[in-house]
Protein backbone atom coordinates (compact mmCIF):
# COMPACT_ATOMS: atom_id res chain seq x y z
CA MET A 1 178.67 139.04 142.02
CA ALA A 2 177.49 138.10 138.58
CA ALA A 3 176.08 134.77 140.18
CA ASP A 4 173.89 136.79 142.55
CA SER A 5 172.54 139.20 140.07
CA SER A 6 169.64 137.08 138.55
CA PRO A 7 168.25 135.86 141.86
CA GLY A 8 168.44 139.34 143.20
CA LEU A 9 166.51 140.75 140.15
CA TRP A 10 163.81 138.11 140.59
CA ARG A 11 163.29 138.98 144.22
CA ARG A 12 163.00 142.79 143.46
CA ILE A 13 160.18 142.31 141.04
CA PRO A 14 156.75 142.73 142.84
CA LEU A 15 154.89 139.53 143.26
CA TRP A 16 151.83 140.83 141.50
CA GLN A 17 153.94 141.57 138.51
CA LYS A 18 155.32 138.00 138.46
CA ILE A 19 151.95 136.53 138.98
CA ILE A 20 150.46 138.37 135.99
CA ALA A 21 153.40 137.54 133.88
CA GLY A 22 152.50 133.92 134.56
CA LEU A 23 148.90 134.41 133.88
CA ILE A 24 149.63 136.09 130.50
CA LEU A 25 152.33 133.38 129.56
CA GLY A 26 149.89 130.73 130.57
CA ALA A 27 147.00 132.18 128.36
CA LEU A 28 149.40 132.37 125.36
CA VAL A 29 150.81 128.84 125.76
CA GLY A 30 147.26 127.44 126.43
CA ALA A 31 145.88 129.11 123.24
CA LEU A 32 148.77 127.72 121.17
CA MET A 33 148.75 124.07 122.54
CA GLY A 34 145.09 123.60 123.00
CA GLU A 35 144.12 120.52 124.90
CA ASN A 36 147.82 119.55 124.91
CA ALA A 37 148.27 122.34 127.38
CA GLY A 38 146.84 119.83 129.92
CA ILE A 39 150.50 118.76 130.77
CA PHE A 40 150.94 122.08 132.79
CA LYS A 41 147.78 121.24 134.90
CA PRO A 42 150.00 119.51 137.82
CA LEU A 43 151.65 122.86 138.21
CA GLY A 44 148.22 124.39 138.94
CA ASP A 45 147.09 121.48 140.99
CA ILE A 46 150.09 121.66 143.29
CA PHE A 47 149.62 125.22 143.85
CA ILE A 48 145.74 124.80 144.61
CA SER A 49 146.52 122.03 146.92
CA ALA A 50 149.23 124.12 148.75
CA ILE A 51 146.76 127.16 149.25
CA LYS A 52 143.99 124.76 150.43
CA MET A 53 146.47 123.38 152.82
CA LEU A 54 146.75 126.69 154.34
CA ILE A 55 142.99 127.48 154.82
CA VAL A 56 141.85 125.56 157.81
CA PRO A 57 144.98 126.21 160.16
CA LEU A 58 144.95 129.96 159.08
CA VAL A 59 141.59 130.58 159.46
CA PHE A 60 141.35 129.04 162.89
CA SER A 61 144.54 130.57 164.31
CA THR A 62 144.02 134.12 162.84
CA LEU A 63 140.36 134.06 164.15
CA VAL A 64 141.36 133.07 167.62
CA VAL A 65 144.38 135.68 167.51
CA GLY A 66 142.08 138.29 166.03
CA ILE A 67 139.41 137.92 168.80
CA THR A 68 141.71 138.01 171.65
CA ALA A 69 143.55 140.96 170.20
CA MET A 70 140.23 142.88 170.56
CA ARG A 71 139.98 142.27 174.34
CA ASP A 72 136.52 143.45 174.17
CA PRO A 73 133.40 141.27 173.37
CA GLN A 74 131.37 144.46 172.60
CA LYS A 75 133.98 145.58 170.09
CA MET A 76 133.81 142.18 168.35
CA GLY A 77 129.87 142.27 168.16
CA ARG A 78 130.26 146.03 166.60
CA ILE A 79 132.76 144.81 164.13
CA GLY A 80 130.73 141.75 163.25
CA ALA A 81 127.42 143.77 162.84
CA ARG A 82 129.25 146.46 160.82
CA THR A 83 130.95 143.76 158.50
CA ILE A 84 127.60 142.05 157.86
CA VAL A 85 125.71 145.33 156.84
CA LEU A 86 128.61 146.42 154.50
CA TYR A 87 128.28 142.80 152.82
CA LEU A 88 124.62 143.12 152.24
CA ILE A 89 124.79 146.64 150.96
CA THR A 90 127.51 145.76 148.34
CA THR A 91 125.66 142.42 147.39
CA ALA A 92 122.57 144.57 146.59
CA PHE A 93 124.57 146.99 144.40
CA ALA A 94 126.17 144.05 142.62
CA ILE A 95 122.94 142.41 141.69
CA ALA A 96 121.73 145.86 140.50
CA ILE A 97 124.83 146.50 138.43
CA GLY A 98 124.49 143.04 136.84
CA LEU A 99 120.92 143.75 135.98
CA LEU A 100 121.65 147.27 134.52
CA ALA A 101 124.59 145.85 132.42
CA SER A 102 122.44 143.22 130.90
CA THR A 103 119.55 145.78 130.24
CA ILE A 104 121.82 148.04 128.44
CA PHE A 105 123.86 145.48 126.31
CA GLN A 106 121.16 142.80 125.82
CA PRO A 107 123.51 139.77 125.62
CA GLY A 108 120.70 137.49 125.07
CA ALA A 109 118.87 139.19 122.37
CA GLY A 110 118.93 137.55 118.92
CA LEU A 111 120.47 134.26 120.12
CA ASP A 112 118.91 130.90 119.23
CA MET A 113 120.19 128.21 121.76
CA SER A 114 118.51 125.10 123.09
CA PHE A 115 118.83 123.94 126.65
CA ASP A 116 117.29 120.70 126.80
CA THR A 117 119.78 119.35 129.29
CA PRO A 118 118.13 118.96 132.73
CA VAL A 119 119.70 120.76 135.54
CA GLU A 120 119.35 119.69 139.26
CA SER A 121 120.05 121.77 142.10
CA GLU A 122 119.85 121.27 145.84
CA GLU A 123 117.19 123.21 147.68
CA ALA A 124 118.46 126.00 149.73
CA PRO A 125 118.53 125.00 153.55
CA SER A 126 115.92 126.68 155.93
CA LEU A 127 117.05 129.13 158.34
CA VAL A 128 116.71 126.73 161.10
CA GLU A 129 118.92 124.15 159.36
CA ILE A 130 121.53 126.88 158.82
CA LEU A 131 121.35 127.99 162.51
CA VAL A 132 121.69 124.31 163.80
CA ASN A 133 124.46 123.42 161.40
CA LEU A 134 126.53 126.48 162.38
CA VAL A 135 127.62 124.73 165.71
CA PRO A 136 129.96 121.86 165.21
CA GLN A 137 128.99 118.60 167.24
CA ASN A 138 132.75 117.68 166.86
CA PRO A 139 135.02 120.68 166.24
CA ILE A 140 137.78 118.06 165.27
CA ASP A 141 135.55 116.75 162.54
CA ALA A 142 134.84 120.44 161.41
CA LEU A 143 138.55 121.12 161.19
CA ALA A 144 139.11 117.84 159.34
CA GLU A 145 136.30 118.37 156.91
CA GLY A 146 137.26 122.13 156.29
CA ASN A 147 133.68 123.34 157.26
CA ILE A 148 134.50 127.02 157.34
CA LEU A 149 131.25 128.29 159.09
CA GLN A 150 131.57 125.67 161.87
CA ILE A 151 135.24 126.50 162.18
CA ILE A 152 134.57 130.21 162.51
CA VAL A 153 132.01 129.53 165.22
CA PHE A 154 134.30 127.23 167.19
CA ALA A 155 137.28 129.68 166.83
CA MET A 156 135.11 132.61 167.98
CA GLY A 157 133.82 130.70 171.02
CA LEU A 158 137.41 129.73 172.03
CA GLY A 159 138.77 133.13 171.29
CA ILE A 160 136.09 134.74 173.51
CA SER A 161 136.56 132.19 176.34
CA LEU A 162 140.39 132.92 176.29
CA MET A 163 139.72 136.64 176.31
CA LEU A 164 137.33 136.21 179.46
CA ILE A 165 139.68 134.21 181.48
CA GLY A 166 142.23 136.81 181.25
CA GLU A 167 145.80 135.98 182.56
CA LYS A 168 145.17 132.17 182.64
CA GLY A 169 144.56 132.18 178.90
CA GLU A 170 147.64 134.16 178.02
CA PRO A 171 150.00 130.92 177.47
CA VAL A 172 147.56 129.61 175.04
CA VAL A 173 147.00 132.96 173.31
CA ARG A 174 150.90 133.13 172.81
CA VAL A 175 150.88 129.63 171.27
CA PHE A 176 148.25 130.74 168.79
CA GLU A 177 150.04 133.93 168.07
CA SER A 178 153.08 132.00 167.32
CA PHE A 179 151.23 129.58 165.39
CA ALA A 180 149.53 132.29 163.20
CA GLU A 181 152.93 133.95 162.56
CA ALA A 182 154.26 130.53 161.34
CA MET A 183 151.13 130.23 158.96
CA TYR A 184 151.97 133.80 157.69
CA LYS A 185 155.57 132.71 156.84
CA LEU A 186 154.23 129.44 155.26
CA THR A 187 151.84 131.54 153.22
CA GLU A 188 154.78 133.60 151.84
CA ILE A 189 156.76 130.47 151.11
CA VAL A 190 153.63 129.10 149.08
CA MET A 191 153.13 132.39 147.38
CA ALA A 192 156.79 132.26 146.02
CA PHE A 193 155.40 129.28 143.76
CA ALA A 194 152.37 131.39 142.71
CA PRO A 195 153.62 132.66 139.24
CA PHE A 196 154.27 129.04 138.26
CA GLY A 197 150.98 127.80 139.71
CA VAL A 198 148.99 130.40 137.99
CA PHE A 199 150.74 129.66 134.69
CA GLY A 200 149.69 125.97 134.85
CA LEU A 201 146.08 126.91 135.98
CA ILE A 202 145.57 129.39 133.13
CA ALA A 203 147.32 127.30 130.51
CA PHE A 204 145.01 124.50 131.20
CA VAL A 205 141.81 126.73 131.15
CA ALA A 206 142.89 128.52 127.96
CA GLY A 207 143.59 125.15 126.22
CA ASN A 208 140.23 123.64 127.18
CA TYR A 209 138.13 126.56 126.22
CA GLY A 210 138.50 127.16 122.54
CA LEU A 211 136.71 129.50 120.33
CA GLU A 212 133.92 127.23 119.47
CA VAL A 213 132.90 127.27 123.15
CA LEU A 214 133.41 131.05 123.75
CA LEU A 215 132.25 132.83 120.51
CA PRO A 216 128.43 131.97 120.78
CA LEU A 217 128.45 133.33 124.38
CA ALA A 218 131.16 136.03 124.01
CA LYS A 219 128.62 138.69 124.64
CA VAL A 220 127.39 137.44 128.03
CA ILE A 221 131.07 136.81 129.23
CA GLY A 222 131.85 140.44 128.13
CA VAL A 223 128.85 141.95 130.02
CA ALA A 224 129.57 139.93 133.10
CA TYR A 225 133.38 141.05 133.14
CA LEU A 226 132.33 144.61 132.30
CA ALA A 227 129.99 144.68 135.22
CA SER A 228 132.53 143.16 137.44
CA ILE A 229 135.13 145.73 136.68
CA VAL A 230 132.57 148.60 137.15
CA HIS A 231 131.46 147.16 140.57
CA VAL A 232 135.00 147.12 141.84
CA LEU A 233 136.07 150.56 140.33
CA VAL A 234 132.80 152.32 141.06
CA VAL A 235 131.28 150.70 144.17
CA TYR A 236 134.26 149.57 146.10
CA SER A 237 136.36 152.61 145.22
CA GLY A 238 133.47 154.98 145.84
CA MET A 239 132.77 153.44 149.29
CA LEU A 240 136.39 153.81 150.31
CA VAL A 241 136.41 157.46 149.21
CA LEU A 242 133.14 158.38 150.73
CA LEU A 243 133.01 156.19 154.00
CA GLY A 244 136.78 155.88 154.55
CA ARG A 245 138.38 159.03 152.98
CA LEU A 246 140.91 156.62 151.45
CA ASN A 247 142.79 156.61 148.18
CA PRO A 248 141.24 153.75 146.14
CA VAL A 249 144.35 153.44 143.93
CA ARG A 250 146.17 152.35 147.01
CA TYR A 251 143.64 149.81 147.69
CA LEU A 252 143.76 148.35 144.14
CA MET A 253 147.34 148.26 144.24
CA GLY A 254 147.43 146.39 147.55
CA ILE A 255 145.03 143.69 146.51
CA LEU A 256 146.54 142.77 143.11
CA ASP A 257 148.21 139.61 144.54
CA ALA A 258 144.89 138.30 145.90
CA LEU A 259 142.91 139.41 142.79
CA VAL A 260 145.22 137.37 140.32
CA VAL A 261 145.14 134.26 142.59
CA ALA A 262 141.41 134.56 142.85
CA TYR A 263 140.98 134.85 139.12
CA SER A 264 143.12 131.81 138.28
CA SER A 265 141.92 129.47 141.13
CA ALA A 266 138.13 130.56 141.16
CA SER A 267 138.19 130.05 144.97
CA SER A 268 137.50 132.53 147.48
CA SER A 269 138.46 130.11 150.18
CA GLY A 270 141.60 129.16 148.46
CA THR A 271 142.57 132.79 148.15
CA LEU A 272 142.05 133.57 151.83
CA PRO A 273 145.72 133.05 152.85
CA ILE A 274 146.69 135.58 150.21
CA SER A 275 143.93 137.90 151.09
CA ILE A 276 145.06 138.03 154.72
CA ARG A 277 148.62 138.75 153.60
CA CYS A 278 147.46 141.58 151.44
CA ALA A 279 145.28 143.01 154.13
CA GLN A 280 148.13 143.12 156.68
CA LYS A 281 151.25 143.66 154.58
CA ASN A 282 149.93 145.89 151.86
CA LEU A 283 146.78 147.68 153.27
CA GLY A 284 147.87 148.03 156.79
CA VAL A 285 144.76 146.45 158.47
CA SER A 286 145.48 144.95 161.98
CA GLU A 287 145.67 141.29 162.58
CA GLY A 288 142.59 141.45 164.81
CA VAL A 289 140.40 143.01 162.09
CA SER A 290 141.87 141.12 159.12
CA GLY A 291 141.68 137.89 161.04
CA PHE A 292 138.03 138.22 161.90
CA VAL A 293 136.45 139.97 158.83
CA LEU A 294 138.23 138.16 155.98
CA PRO A 295 137.32 134.52 157.16
CA VAL A 296 133.76 135.76 157.60
CA GLY A 297 133.74 137.52 154.32
CA ALA A 298 135.23 134.47 152.33
CA THR A 299 132.22 132.58 153.56
CA ILE A 300 129.27 134.85 153.36
CA ASN A 301 130.24 137.65 150.93
CA MET A 302 128.95 136.69 147.50
CA ASP A 303 129.01 139.97 145.65
CA GLY A 304 130.40 138.50 142.46
CA THR A 305 127.91 135.64 142.49
CA ALA A 306 125.19 138.02 143.09
CA LEU A 307 126.41 140.00 140.06
CA TYR A 308 126.60 136.94 137.90
CA GLN A 309 123.02 136.09 138.85
CA GLY A 310 121.97 139.62 137.83
CA VAL A 311 123.49 139.33 134.44
CA VAL A 312 122.62 135.70 133.76
CA THR A 313 119.03 135.90 134.97
CA LEU A 314 118.38 138.72 132.42
CA PHE A 315 120.42 137.01 129.80
CA ILE A 316 118.16 133.98 130.00
CA ALA A 317 114.91 136.07 130.10
CA GLN A 318 116.11 137.92 126.98
CA LEU A 319 117.11 134.39 125.30
CA LEU A 320 113.36 133.19 126.03
CA GLY A 321 111.86 136.43 124.93
CA VAL A 322 110.45 137.14 128.56
CA ASP A 323 109.74 140.80 129.49
CA LEU A 324 110.57 141.32 133.18
CA SER A 325 108.77 144.04 135.08
CA LEU A 326 110.21 146.71 137.52
CA ALA A 327 108.75 144.40 140.26
CA ASP A 328 110.58 141.40 138.83
CA TYR A 329 113.87 143.44 138.90
CA GLY A 330 113.15 144.46 142.57
CA MET A 331 112.50 140.76 143.54
CA ILE A 332 115.81 139.58 141.89
CA ILE A 333 117.73 142.16 143.93
CA VAL A 334 115.92 141.44 147.29
CA THR A 335 115.94 137.65 146.79
CA GLY A 336 119.54 137.54 145.59
CA THR A 337 120.81 139.62 148.42
CA LEU A 338 118.97 137.41 150.96
CA ALA A 339 119.82 134.06 149.31
CA SER A 340 123.54 134.99 149.55
CA ILE A 341 123.26 134.62 153.32
CA GLY A 342 120.98 131.66 153.18
CA THR A 343 123.32 129.63 151.13
CA ALA A 344 126.47 130.78 152.82
CA GLY A 345 129.04 128.01 153.01
CA VAL A 346 126.59 125.44 151.12
CA PRO A 347 128.28 123.50 148.27
CA GLY A 348 127.07 124.67 144.95
CA ALA A 349 125.95 127.87 146.53
CA GLY A 350 126.13 129.77 143.10
CA LEU A 351 123.78 127.32 141.34
CA ILE A 352 121.36 127.32 144.43
CA MET A 353 121.30 131.15 144.42
CA LEU A 354 120.57 131.32 140.74
CA SER A 355 117.76 128.74 140.78
CA ILE A 356 116.24 130.62 143.65
CA VAL A 357 116.39 133.93 141.93
CA MET A 358 115.11 132.30 138.50
CA ALA A 359 112.29 130.63 140.21
CA GLN A 360 111.20 134.00 141.60
CA VAL A 361 110.57 135.49 138.27
CA GLY A 362 109.27 132.36 136.70
CA LEU A 363 112.11 131.33 134.27
CA PRO A 364 112.91 127.57 133.89
CA LEU A 365 115.86 126.12 135.80
CA GLU A 366 116.79 123.97 132.65
CA ALA A 367 117.94 127.25 131.11
CA ILE A 368 120.95 127.37 133.24
CA ALA A 369 122.52 124.77 131.00
CA VAL A 370 123.10 127.34 128.42
CA VAL A 371 125.79 129.03 130.46
CA ALA A 372 127.11 125.85 132.08
CA GLY A 373 129.82 125.39 129.37
CA ILE A 374 131.28 128.83 130.29
CA ASP A 375 130.83 128.60 133.88
CA ARG A 376 134.53 128.39 134.90
CA ILE A 377 135.17 131.54 132.76
CA LEU A 378 132.43 133.37 134.66
CA ASP A 379 133.22 131.88 138.02
CA MET A 380 136.86 133.41 137.68
CA ALA A 381 135.56 136.86 137.43
CA ARG A 382 132.88 136.40 140.15
CA THR A 383 135.44 135.07 142.59
CA SER A 384 137.77 138.07 141.88
CA VAL A 385 134.94 140.30 142.80
CA ASN A 386 134.06 138.37 145.99
CA VAL A 387 137.77 138.73 147.06
CA ALA A 388 137.93 142.46 146.11
CA GLY A 389 134.83 142.93 148.30
CA ASP A 390 136.31 141.08 151.21
CA LEU A 391 139.42 143.29 151.23
CA MET A 392 137.28 146.56 150.82
CA VAL A 393 135.15 145.87 153.77
CA THR A 394 138.14 144.69 155.82
CA THR A 395 139.85 148.04 154.88
CA LEU A 396 136.67 150.05 155.87
CA VAL A 397 136.27 148.19 159.10
CA GLY A 398 139.86 148.70 159.99
CA LYS A 399 139.60 152.48 159.30
CA SER A 400 136.44 152.74 161.33
CA GLU A 401 137.95 151.03 164.31
CA GLY A 402 141.31 153.07 164.21
CA GLU A 403 143.14 149.75 163.16
CA LEU A 404 144.47 150.69 159.72
CA ASP A 405 148.09 151.92 159.35
CA LEU A 406 147.89 154.66 156.99
CA GLU A 407 151.54 154.61 156.48
CA ILE A 408 151.48 151.25 155.10
CA TYR A 409 148.19 151.78 153.21
CA ASN A 410 149.50 154.97 151.42
CA SER A 411 152.91 153.30 150.48
CA PRO A 412 153.29 153.33 146.84
CA ASN A 413 155.56 150.03 147.04
CA LYS A 414 153.00 147.23 147.24
CA ALA A 415 154.85 144.04 146.86
């Protein structure tokens, strides 16, 4: 009996508590060991590789299963429209909160920093290019390259086709359902390693970002983190209460696993398998809704990036002594919201969005170099906001479609 007690105790501890323990321990070890903490980086690399391994098969199978489960093309269109509208609204709120936080706390005031390092950024693709690139010429290449937008388009087309052919498509649908279940189980297996992977990731980050890097920019980091917390607690929680009549505390408890992985990995797509698991197991969202809304959100929802733009744009303006007008503020909100769609799925999307917004208010692109050294620290916060937003919208859409299990949602035991 004594031999079984320790493993039994470990299994009874909620996953989010084990992950947070790994995060805290990793931060302490990294701070103490400095650059020597790099010896733990392979633990984080293995974990990141494992969750990246899940992304393509999980997105593809869950989208096909989610669409076929709807059994109604009109319902899919309604859910898609509602999802995009909610993402746009929360993105606009995020930029506004970032601007407000920087206006109140003035993180760039009184700093004297140079930014001679040239910064290059790709131009945002045109609307025509985006539309053309949505359709994969070869779906196998899209799957192999991990092009999520093209995978989504192909999976939606296949799912709709299977739905339209009725009984003839049932054998294929059952194959995808079995495959999706296998991917859910594989996700659970990978997540068992999460506390150790998070430990390795955070130890490496903490060891490489010493006080000499963080102290000069501590204020802008603090403002970005504060604005992120406010956005999640006020905007997301408020929307759940006002639009869904749901308890926001249950939502926050249910998404902890995904938030911690998002924070440590700084990857929305990499967190997608854990987000799907949280949506279904902890929040009670149906496979159909979660399998459709979350992959779309992981690709186009950039609330955290938008908030970061609001903070950093105003920070740079303050650093340069540039006074922005109310019209400039409005332009930042509108441009950032629209750019979040225009750069969806594009590598380096955060930098592209930031350069577009800065250009609209006449700020030099070279100034981005000031925050380049702390980008990873800021990226961890904005990714967490992105993931929290994905799960909030998924929950609201599930509630509006009657596909939210309230018994699961209201359960106090979120494991």
